[in-house]
Amino acid sequence: MLTSKQRAYLRSLGNELEPVFQIGKGGLSEEILNQLDAVLEARELIKVRVLKSCLDDPGALADEIAAELGCDVVQKIGRIFLLYRPAEEPRIQLP
């Protein structure tokens, strides 16, 4: 669980990030979860966009991904959300 200070720090880092993944009409699949897992391990902090063609609720998708991959949802704004999971060798130093 992240503190509010850590969450604010991660949000500030996420402002300059471009979305790494886009979830479309296919929704959330096992393949997308595997790719998200690999990218989270490499980058620790990623931004994901849910396209308008996806019928699922973006907030519910973010929560489902967080539960499946053991990561934290840092921020949800509209159809974009920010995910964080520390790597085995963390690159981001949290306050």
PDB file of N, CA and C in Angstrom:
ATOM      1  N   MET A   1       0.834  -1.178   0.000  1.00  0.00           N
ATOM      2  CA  MET A   1       0.000   0.000   0.000  1.00  0.00           C
ATOM      3  C   MET A   1       0.885   1.250   0.000  1.00  0.00           C
ATOM      4  N   LEU A   2       0.532   2.177  -0.793  1.00  0.00           N
ATOM      5  CA  LEU A   2       1.292   3.412  -0.909  1.00  0.00           C
ATOM      6  C   LEU A   2       0.724   4.488   0.010  1.00  0.00           C
ATOM      7  N   THR A   3       1.618   5.302   0.577  1.00  0.00           N
ATOM      8  CA  THR A   3       1.163   6.442   1.367  1.00  0.00           C
ATOM      9  C   THR A   3       0.759   7.554   0.406  1.00  0.00           C
ATOM     10  N   SER A   4       0.100   8.575   0.919  1.00  0.00           N
ATOM     11  CA  SER A   4      -0.332   9.670   0.052  1.00  0.00           C
ATOM     12  C   SER A   4       0.871  10.442  -0.496  1.00  0.00           C
ATOM     13  N   LYS A   5       1.936  10.534   0.279  1.00  0.00           N
ATOM     14  CA  LYS A   5       3.148  11.218  -0.183  1.00  0.00           C
ATOM     15  C   LYS A   5       3.802  10.427  -1.331  1.00  0.00           C
ATOM     16  N   GLN A   6       3.866   9.111  -1.197  1.00  0.00           N
ATOM     17  CA  GLN A   6       4.428   8.269  -2.255  1.00  0.00           C
ATOM     18  C   GLN A   6       3.566   8.339  -3.513  1.00  0.00           C
ATOM     19  N   ARG A   7       2.260   8.301  -3.324  1.00  0.00           N
ATOM     20  CA  ARG A   7       1.334   8.375  -4.454  1.00  0.00           C
ATOM     21  C   ARG A   7       1.496   9.708  -5.202  1.00  0.00           C
ATOM     22  N   ALA A   8       1.639  10.803  -4.460  1.00  0.00           N
ATOM     23  CA  ALA A   8       1.828  12.115  -5.080  1.00  0.00           C
ATOM     24  C   ALA A   8       3.145  12.165  -5.854  1.00  0.00           C
ATOM     25  N   TYR A   9       4.196  11.576  -5.297  1.00  0.00           N
ATOM     26  CA  TYR A   9       5.492  11.538  -5.974  1.00  0.00           C
ATOM     27  C   TYR A   9       5.390  10.746  -7.275  1.00  0.00           C
ATOM     28  N   LEU A  10       4.730   9.595  -7.229  1.00  0.00           N
ATOM     29  CA  LEU A  10       4.572   8.764  -8.435  1.00  0.00           C
ATOM     30  C   LEU A  10       3.701   9.467  -9.477  1.00  0.00           C
ATOM     31  N   ARG A  11       2.673  10.187  -9.039  1.00  0.00           N
ATOM     32  CA  ARG A  11       1.839  10.951  -9.982  1.00  0.00           C
ATOM     33  C   ARG A  11       2.666  12.003 -10.692  1.00  0.00           C
ATOM     34  N   SER A  12       3.577  12.659  -9.957  1.00  0.00           N
ATOM     35  CA  SER A  12       4.424  13.676 -10.589  1.00  0.00           C
ATOM     36  C   SER A  12       5.352  13.047 -11.621  1.00  0.00           C
ATOM     37  N   LEU A  13       5.859  11.852 -11.347  1.00  0.00           N
ATOM     38  CA  LEU A  13       6.688  11.149 -12.331  1.00  0.00           C
ATOM     39  C   LEU A  13       5.861  10.712 -13.535  1.00  0.00           C
ATOM     40  N   GLY A  14       4.616  10.340 -13.293  1.00  0.00           N
ATOM     41  CA  GLY A  14       3.745   9.849 -14.357  1.00  0.00           C
ATOM     42  C   GLY A  14       3.231  10.923 -15.293  1.00  0.00           C
ATOM     43  N   ASN A  15       3.306  12.191 -14.879  1.00  0.00           N
ATOM     44  CA  ASN A  15       2.819  13.276 -15.735  1.00  0.00           C
ATOM     45  C   ASN A  15       3.512  13.311 -17.084  1.00  0.00           C
ATOM     46  N   GLU A  16       4.789  13.030 -17.104  1.00  0.00           N
ATOM     47  CA  GLU A  16       5.549  13.120 -18.348  1.00  0.00           C
ATOM     48  C   GLU A  16       5.563  11.830 -19.156  1.00  0.00           C
ATOM     49  N   LEU A  17       4.973  10.772 -18.623  1.00  0.00           N
ATOM     50  CA  LEU A  17       4.959   9.493 -19.335  1.00  0.00           C
ATOM     51  C   LEU A  17       3.879   9.466 -20.419  1.00  0.00           C
ATOM     52  N   GLU A  18       4.172   8.776 -21.490  1.00  0.00           N
ATOM     53  CA  GLU A  18       3.186   8.474 -22.523  1.00  0.00           C
ATOM     54  C   GLU A  18       2.606   7.097 -22.231  1.00  0.00           C
ATOM     55  N   PRO A  19       1.343   6.838 -22.594  1.00  0.00           N
ATOM     56  CA  PRO A  19       0.782   5.505 -22.377  1.00  0.00           C
ATOM     57  C   PRO A  19       1.584   4.428 -23.113  1.00  0.00           C
ATOM     58  N   VAL A  20       1.926   3.377 -22.387  1.00  0.00           N
ATOM     59  CA  VAL A  20       2.707   2.271 -22.928  1.00  0.00           C
ATOM     60  C   VAL A  20       1.784   1.228 -23.544  1.00  0.00           C
ATOM     61  N   PHE A  21       0.607   1.065 -22.961  1.00  0.00           N
ATOM     62  CA  PHE A  21      -0.359   0.069 -23.429  1.00  0.00           C
ATOM     63  C   PHE A  21      -1.684   0.718 -23.752  1.00  0.00           C
ATOM     64  N   GLN A  22      -2.381   0.118 -24.719  1.00  0.00           N
ATOM     65  CA  GLN A  22      -3.742   0.514 -25.031  1.00  0.00           C
ATOM     66  C   GLN A  22      -4.600  -0.746 -25.004  1.00  0.00           C
ATOM     67  N   ILE A  23      -5.675  -0.680 -24.255  1.00  0.00           N
ATOM     68  CA  ILE A  23      -6.602  -1.806 -24.180  1.00  0.00           C
ATOM     69  C   ILE A  23      -7.800  -1.453 -25.039  1.00  0.00           C
ATOM     70  N   GLY A  24      -8.070  -2.276 -26.038  1.00  0.00           N
ATOM     71  CA  GLY A  24      -9.128  -1.990 -26.992  1.00  0.00           C
ATOM     72  C   GLY A  24     -10.335  -2.880 -26.821  1.00  0.00           C
ATOM     73  N   LYS A  25     -11.030  -3.127 -27.942  1.00  0.00           N
ATOM     74  CA  LYS A  25     -12.302  -3.851 -27.880  1.00  0.00           C
ATOM     75  C   LYS A  25     -12.152  -5.292 -27.442  1.00  0.00           C
ATOM     76  N   GLY A  26     -10.942  -5.830 -27.530  1.00  0.00           N
ATOM     77  CA  GLY A  26     -10.708  -7.207 -27.065  1.00  0.00           C
ATOM     78  C   GLY A  26     -10.733  -7.329 -25.557  1.00  0.00           C
ATOM     79  N   GLY A  27     -10.625  -6.196 -24.865  1.00  0.00           N
ATOM     80  CA  GLY A  27     -10.654  -6.208 -23.410  1.00  0.00           C
ATOM     81  C   GLY A  27      -9.347  -6.734 -22.836  1.00  0.00           C
ATOM     82  N   LEU A  28      -9.420  -7.237 -21.638  1.00  0.00           N
ATOM     83  CA  LEU A  28      -8.250  -7.719 -20.923  1.00  0.00           C
ATOM     84  C   LEU A  28      -8.075  -9.207 -21.195  1.00  0.00           C
ATOM     85  N   SER A  29      -6.941  -9.587 -21.754  1.00  0.00           N
ATOM     86  CA  SER A  29      -6.674 -10.994 -22.041  1.00  0.00           C
ATOM     87  C   SER A  29      -5.432 -11.441 -21.274  1.00  0.00           C
ATOM     88  N   GLU A  30      -5.194 -12.728 -21.286  1.00  0.00           N
ATOM     89  CA  GLU A  30      -4.022 -13.289 -20.609  1.00  0.00           C
ATOM     90  C   GLU A  30      -2.732 -12.767 -21.235  1.00  0.00           C
ATOM     91  N   GLU A  31      -2.746 -12.601 -22.549  1.00  0.00           N
ATOM     92  CA  GLU A  31      -1.571 -12.091 -23.257  1.00  0.00           C
ATOM     93  C   GLU A  31      -1.241 -10.658 -22.817  1.00  0.00           C
ATOM     94  N   ILE A  32      -2.257  -9.821 -22.693  1.00  0.00           N
ATOM     95  CA  ILE A  32      -2.042  -8.443 -22.254  1.00  0.00           C
ATOM     96  C   ILE A  32      -1.526  -8.426 -20.814  1.00  0.00           C
ATOM     97  N   LEU A  33      -2.073  -9.281 -19.960  1.00  0.00           N
ATOM     98  CA  LEU A  33      -1.597  -9.350 -18.582  1.00  0.00           C
ATOM     99  C   LEU A  33      -0.132  -9.760 -18.517  1.00  0.00           C
ATOM    100  N   ASN A  34       0.277 -10.720 -19.354  1.00  0.00           N
ATOM    101  CA  ASN A  34       1.674 -11.151 -19.381  1.00  0.00           C
ATOM    102  C   ASN A  34       2.583 -10.018 -19.842  1.00  0.00           C
ATOM    103  N   GLN A  35       2.149  -9.276 -20.851  1.00  0.00           N
ATOM    104  CA  GLN A  35       2.944  -8.158 -21.342  1.00  0.00           C
ATOM    105  C   GLN A  35       3.027  -7.042 -20.299  1.00  0.00           C
ATOM    106  N   LEU A  36       1.916  -6.739 -19.644  1.00  0.00           N
ATOM    107  CA  LEU A  36       1.912  -5.727 -18.588  1.00  0.00           C
ATOM    108  C   LEU A  36       2.855  -6.130 -17.453  1.00  0.00           C
ATOM    109  N   ASP A  37       2.854  -7.411 -17.109  1.00  0.00           N
ATOM    110  CA  ASP A  37       3.727  -7.912 -16.057  1.00  0.00           C
ATOM    111  C   ASP A  37       5.192  -7.683 -16.413  1.00  0.00           C
ATOM    112  N   ALA A  38       5.567  -7.998 -17.657  1.00  0.00           N
ATOM    113  CA  ALA A  38       6.950  -7.825 -18.100  1.00  0.00           C
ATOM    114  C   ALA A  38       7.353  -6.349 -18.114  1.00  0.00           C
ATOM    115  N   VAL A  39       6.456  -5.491 -18.587  1.00  0.00           N
ATOM    116  CA  VAL A  39       6.776  -4.057 -18.653  1.00  0.00           C
ATOM    117  C   VAL A  39       6.845  -3.450 -17.253  1.00  0.00           C
ATOM    118  N   LEU A  40       5.983  -3.881 -16.349  1.00  0.00           N
ATOM    119  CA  LEU A  40       6.050  -3.394 -14.971  1.00  0.00           C
ATOM    120  C   LEU A  40       7.370  -3.782 -14.322  1.00  0.00           C
ATOM    121  N   GLU A  41       7.851  -4.968 -14.601  1.00  0.00           N
ATOM    122  CA  GLU A  41       9.131  -5.401 -14.041  1.00  0.00           C
ATOM    123  C   GLU A  41      10.274  -4.547 -14.577  1.00  0.00           C
ATOM    124  N   ALA A  42      10.180  -4.172 -15.848  1.00  0.00           N
ATOM    125  CA  ALA A  42      11.250  -3.382 -16.469  1.00  0.00           C
ATOM    126  C   ALA A  42      11.181  -1.906 -16.090  1.00  0.00           C
ATOM    127  N   ARG A  43       9.976  -1.330 -16.026  1.00  0.00           N
ATOM    128  CA  ARG A  43       9.839   0.123 -15.847  1.00  0.00           C
ATOM    129  C   ARG A  43       9.337   0.558 -14.484  1.00  0.00           C
ATOM    130  N   GLU A  44       8.647  -0.300 -13.784  1.00  0.00           N
ATOM    131  CA  GLU A  44       8.043  -0.034 -12.468  1.00  0.00           C
ATOM    132  C   GLU A  44       6.813   0.869 -12.517  1.00  0.00           C
ATOM    133  N   LEU A  45       6.820   1.912 -13.328  1.00  0.00           N
ATOM    134  CA  LEU A  45       5.709   2.860 -13.402  1.00  0.00           C
ATOM    135  C   LEU A  45       5.280   2.979 -14.859  1.00  0.00           C
ATOM    136  N   ILE A  46       4.019   2.621 -15.138  1.00  0.00           N
ATOM    137  CA  ILE A  46       3.538   2.675 -16.524  1.00  0.00           C
ATOM    138  C   ILE A  46       2.166   3.331 -16.581  1.00  0.00           C
ATOM    139  N   LYS A  47       1.877   3.875 -17.746  1.00  0.00           N
ATOM    140  CA  LYS A  47       0.588   4.511 -18.010  1.00  0.00           C
ATOM    141  C   LYS A  47      -0.137   3.657 -19.043  1.00  0.00           C
ATOM    142  N   VAL A  48      -1.411   3.391 -18.802  1.00  0.00           N
ATOM    143  CA  VAL A  48      -2.227   2.546 -19.678  1.00  0.00           C
ATOM    144  C   VAL A  48      -3.457   3.332 -20.113  1.00  0.00           C
ATOM    145  N   ARG A  49      -3.792   3.243 -21.395  1.00  0.00           N
ATOM    146  CA  ARG A  49      -4.975   3.915 -21.936  1.00  0.00           C
ATOM    147  C   ARG A  49      -6.008   2.854 -22.320  1.00  0.00           C
ATOM    148  N   VAL A  50      -7.259   3.117 -21.983  1.00  0.00           N
ATOM    149  CA  VAL A  50      -8.376   2.258 -22.390  1.00  0.00           C
ATOM    150  C   VAL A  50      -9.087   2.980 -23.526  1.00  0.00           C
ATOM    151  N   LEU A  51      -9.115   2.364 -24.685  1.00  0.00           N
ATOM    152  CA  LEU A  51      -9.721   2.978 -25.864  1.00  0.00           C
ATOM    153  C   LEU A  51     -11.238   3.021 -25.741  1.00  0.00           C
ATOM    154  N   LYS A  52     -11.868   3.916 -26.491  1.00  0.00           N
ATOM    155  CA  LYS A  52     -13.331   4.045 -26.454  1.00  0.00           C
ATOM    156  C   LYS A  52     -14.031   2.798 -26.975  1.00  0.00           C
ATOM    157  N   SER A  53     -13.319   2.014 -27.796  1.00  0.00           N
ATOM    158  CA  SER A  53     -13.922   0.795 -28.346  1.00  0.00           C
ATOM    159  C   SER A  53     -14.053  -0.303 -27.293  1.00  0.00           C
ATOM    160  N   CYS A  54     -13.364  -0.157 -26.164  1.00  0.00           N
ATOM    161  CA  CYS A  54     -13.448  -1.143 -25.085  1.00  0.00           C
ATOM    162  C   CYS A  54     -14.722  -0.867 -24.283  1.00  0.00           C
ATOM    163  N   LEU A  55     -15.533  -1.879 -24.122  1.00  0.00           N
ATOM    164  CA  LEU A  55     -16.807  -1.716 -23.437  1.00  0.00           C
ATOM    165  C   LEU A  55     -16.686  -1.793 -21.915  1.00  0.00           C
ATOM    166  N   ASP A  56     -15.523  -2.250 -21.419  1.00  0.00           N
ATOM    167  CA  ASP A  56     -15.323  -2.378 -19.974  1.00  0.00           C
ATOM    168  C   ASP A  56     -15.073  -1.017 -19.339  1.00  0.00           C
ATOM    169  N   ASP A  57     -15.396  -0.913 -18.069  1.00  0.00           N
ATOM    170  CA  ASP A  57     -15.154   0.312 -17.313  1.00  0.00           C
ATOM    171  C   ASP A  57     -13.656   0.444 -17.028  1.00  0.00           C
ATOM    172  N   PRO A  58     -13.037   1.582 -17.369  1.00  0.00           N
ATOM    173  CA  PRO A  58     -11.595   1.749 -17.154  1.00  0.00           C
ATOM    174  C   PRO A  58     -11.167   1.587 -15.693  1.00  0.00           C
ATOM    175  N   GLY A  59     -11.973   2.077 -14.773  1.00  0.00           N
ATOM    176  CA  GLY A  59     -11.645   1.937 -13.358  1.00  0.00           C
ATOM    177  C   GLY A  59     -11.652   0.490 -12.911  1.00  0.00           C
ATOM    178  N   ALA A  60     -12.641  -0.266 -13.381  1.00  0.00           N
ATOM    179  CA  ALA A  60     -12.723  -1.686 -13.039  1.00  0.00           C
ATOM    180  C   ALA A  60     -11.552  -2.453 -13.653  1.00  0.00           C
ATOM    181  N   LEU A  61     -11.167  -2.077 -14.892  1.00  0.00           N
ATOM    182  CA  LEU A  61     -10.016  -2.716 -15.528  1.00  0.00           C
ATOM    183  C   LEU A  61      -8.746  -2.460 -14.729  1.00  0.00           C
ATOM    184  N   ALA A  62      -8.550  -1.231 -14.274  1.00  0.00           N
ATOM    185  CA  ALA A  62      -7.363  -0.887 -13.484  1.00  0.00           C
ATOM    186  C   ALA A  62      -7.312  -1.717 -12.201  1.00  0.00           C
ATOM    187  N   ASP A  63      -8.447  -1.835 -11.529  1.00  0.00           N
ATOM    188  CA  ASP A  63      -8.499  -2.611 -10.293  1.00  0.00           C
ATOM    189  C   ASP A  63      -8.250  -4.092 -10.550  1.00  0.00           C
ATOM    190  N   GLU A  64      -8.775  -4.602 -11.660  1.00  0.00           N
ATOM    191  CA  GLU A  64      -8.581  -6.010 -12.010  1.00  0.00           C
ATOM    192  C   GLU A  64      -7.113  -6.298 -12.323  1.00  0.00           C
ATOM    193  N   ILE A  65      -6.474  -5.407 -13.066  1.00  0.00           N
ATOM    194  CA  ILE A  65      -5.054  -5.571 -13.384  1.00  0.00           C
ATOM    195  C   ILE A  65      -4.228  -5.526 -12.111  1.00  0.00           C
ATOM    196  N   ALA A  66      -4.542  -4.581 -11.220  1.00  0.00           N
ATOM    197  CA  ALA A  66      -3.809  -4.455  -9.962  1.00  0.00           C
ATOM    198  C   ALA A  66      -3.931  -5.727  -9.123  1.00  0.00           C
ATOM    199  N   ALA A  67      -5.116  -6.315  -9.089  1.00  0.00           N
ATOM    200  CA  ALA A  67      -5.320  -7.536  -8.318  1.00  0.00           C
ATOM    201  C   ALA A  67      -4.560  -8.708  -8.936  1.00  0.00           C
ATOM    202  N   GLU A  68      -4.582  -8.802 -10.263  1.00  0.00           N
ATOM    203  CA  GLU A  68      -3.922  -9.915 -10.956  1.00  0.00           C
ATOM    204  C   GLU A  68      -2.405  -9.844 -10.859  1.00  0.00           C
ATOM    205  N   LEU A  69      -1.836  -8.634 -10.969  1.00  0.00           N
ATOM    206  CA  LEU A  69      -0.391  -8.486 -11.060  1.00  0.00           C
ATOM    207  C   LEU A  69       0.268  -8.032  -9.756  1.00  0.00           C
ATOM    208  N   GLY A  70      -0.520  -7.751  -8.735  1.00  0.00           N
ATOM    209  CA  GLY A  70       0.046  -7.324  -7.462  1.00  0.00           C
ATOM    210  C   GLY A  70       0.692  -5.952  -7.530  1.00  0.00           C
ATOM    211  N   CYS A  71       0.078  -5.050  -8.281  1.00  0.00           N
ATOM    212  CA  CYS A  71       0.612  -3.693  -8.398  1.00  0.00           C
ATOM    213  C   CYS A  71      -0.389  -2.713  -7.782  1.00  0.00           C
ATOM    214  N   ASP A  72       0.016  -1.466  -7.688  1.00  0.00           N
ATOM    215  CA  ASP A  72      -0.842  -0.420  -7.133  1.00  0.00           C
ATOM    216  C   ASP A  72      -1.342   0.494  -8.240  1.00  0.00           C
ATOM    217  N   VAL A  73      -2.609   0.868  -8.164  1.00  0.00           N
ATOM    218  CA  VAL A  73      -3.147   1.879  -9.070  1.00  0.00           C
ATOM    219  C   VAL A  73      -2.846   3.221  -8.429  1.00  0.00           C
ATOM    220  N   VAL A  74      -1.977   3.997  -9.075  1.00  0.00           N
ATOM    221  CA  VAL A  74      -1.550   5.277  -8.529  1.00  0.00           C
ATOM    222  C   VAL A  74      -2.587   6.350  -8.824  1.00  0.00           C
ATOM    223  N   GLN A  75      -3.120   6.336 -10.059  1.00  0.00           N
ATOM    224  CA  GLN A  75      -4.033   7.404 -10.474  1.00  0.00           C
ATOM    225  C   GLN A  75      -4.950   6.895 -11.575  1.00  0.00           C
ATOM    226  N   LYS A  76      -6.196   7.360 -11.542  1.00  0.00           N
ATOM    227  CA  LYS A  76      -7.156   7.092 -12.616  1.00  0.00           C
ATOM    228  C   LYS A  76      -7.731   8.432 -13.051  1.00  0.00           C
ATOM    229  N   ILE A  77      -7.553   8.747 -14.330  1.00  0.00           N
ATOM    230  CA  ILE A  77      -8.151   9.966 -14.881  1.00  0.00           C
ATOM    231  C   ILE A  77      -8.813   9.583 -16.195  1.00  0.00           C
ATOM    232  N   GLY A  78     -10.120   9.631 -16.230  1.00  0.00           N
ATOM    233  CA  GLY A  78     -10.848   9.285 -17.449  1.00  0.00           C
ATOM    234  C   GLY A  78     -10.542   7.868 -17.890  1.00  0.00           C
ATOM    235  N   ARG A  79      -9.964   7.734 -19.074  1.00  0.00           N
ATOM    236  CA  ARG A  79      -9.654   6.423 -19.631  1.00  0.00           C
ATOM    237  C   ARG A  79      -8.174   6.068 -19.513  1.00  0.00           C
ATOM    238  N   ILE A  80      -7.444   6.807 -18.693  1.00  0.00           N
ATOM    239  CA  ILE A  80      -6.013   6.560 -18.509  1.00  0.00           C
ATOM    240  C   ILE A  80      -5.753   6.288 -17.026  1.00  0.00           C
ATOM    241  N   PHE A  81      -4.920   5.273 -16.759  1.00  0.00           N
ATOM    242  CA  PHE A  81      -4.536   5.020 -15.378  1.00  0.00           C
ATOM    243  C   PHE A  81      -3.050   4.708 -15.294  1.00  0.00           C
ATOM    244  N   LEU A  82      -2.516   4.928 -14.102  1.00  0.00           N
ATOM    245  CA  LEU A  82      -1.098   4.794 -13.834  1.00  0.00           C
ATOM    246  C   LEU A  82      -0.903   3.640 -12.854  1.00  0.00           C
ATOM    247  N   LEU A  83      -0.002   2.707 -13.196  1.00  0.00           N
ATOM    248  CA  LEU A  83       0.265   1.540 -12.366  1.00  0.00           C
ATOM    249  C   LEU A  83       1.699   1.556 -11.868  1.00  0.00           C
ATOM    250  N   TYR A  84       1.906   1.104 -10.630  1.00  0.00           N
ATOM    251  CA  TYR A  84       3.250   1.036 -10.060  1.00  0.00           C
ATOM    252  C   TYR A  84       3.444  -0.294  -9.348  1.00  0.00           C
ATOM    253  N   ARG A  85       4.596  -0.904  -9.603  1.00  0.00           N
ATOM    254  CA  ARG A  85       5.013  -2.090  -8.859  1.00  0.00           C
ATOM    255  C   ARG A  85       6.536  -2.057  -8.783  1.00  0.00           C
ATOM    256  N   PRO A  86       7.110  -2.075  -7.581  1.00  0.00           N
ATOM    257  CA  PRO A  86       8.573  -2.043  -7.487  1.00  0.00           C
ATOM    258  C   PRO A  86       9.179  -3.307  -8.095  1.00  0.00           C
ATOM    259  N   ALA A  87      10.284  -3.134  -8.811  1.00  0.00           N
ATOM    260  CA  ALA A  87      10.985  -4.261  -9.411  1.00  0.00           C
ATOM    261  C   ALA A  87      11.846  -4.935  -8.345  1.00  0.00           C
ATOM    262  N   GLU A  88      12.451  -6.063  -8.710  1.00  0.00           N
ATOM    263  CA  GLU A  88      13.335  -6.745  -7.764  1.00  0.00           C
ATOM    264  C   GLU A  88      14.529  -5.854  -7.430  1.00  0.00           C
ATOM    265  N   GLU A  89      14.999  -5.098  -8.407  1.00  0.00           N
ATOM    266  CA  GLU A  89      16.038  -4.091  -8.194  1.00  0.00           C
ATOM    267  C   GLU A  89      15.403  -2.723  -8.482  1.00  0.00           C
ATOM    268  N   PRO A  90      14.790  -2.100  -7.465  1.00  0.00           N
ATOM    269  CA  PRO A  90      14.028  -0.852  -7.694  1.00  0.00           C
ATOM    270  C   PRO A  90      14.884   0.269  -8.277  1.00  0.00           C
ATOM    271  N   ARG A  91      14.324   0.951  -9.279  1.00  0.00           N
ATOM    272  CA  ARG A  91      14.970   2.119  -9.883  1.00  0.00           C
ATOM    273  C   ARG A  91      14.358   3.402  -9.339  1.00  0.00           C
ATOM    274  N   ILE A  92      13.110   3.345  -8.931  1.00  0.00           N
ATOM    275  CA  ILE A  92      12.425   4.526  -8.390  1.00  0.00           C
ATOM    276  C   ILE A  92      12.535   4.485  -6.871  1.00  0.00           C
ATOM    277  N   GLN A  93      13.121   5.522  -6.298  1.00  0.00           N
ATOM    278  CA  GLN A  93      13.248   5.639  -4.844  1.00  0.00           C
ATOM    279  C   GLN A  93      12.059   6.437  -4.308  1.00  0.00           C
ATOM    280  N   LEU A  94      11.213   5.781  -3.546  1.00  0.00           N
ATOM    281  CA  LEU A  94      10.034   6.449  -2.989  1.00  0.00           C
ATOM    282  C   LEU A  94      10.402   7.238  -1.743  1.00  0.00           C
ATOM    283  N   PRO A  95       9.753   8.386  -1.536  1.00  0.00           N
ATOM    284  CA  PRO A  95      10.020   9.180  -0.318  1.00  0.00           C
ATOM    285  C   PRO A  95       9.498   8.479   0.932  1.00  0.00           C
TER     286      PRO A  95
END
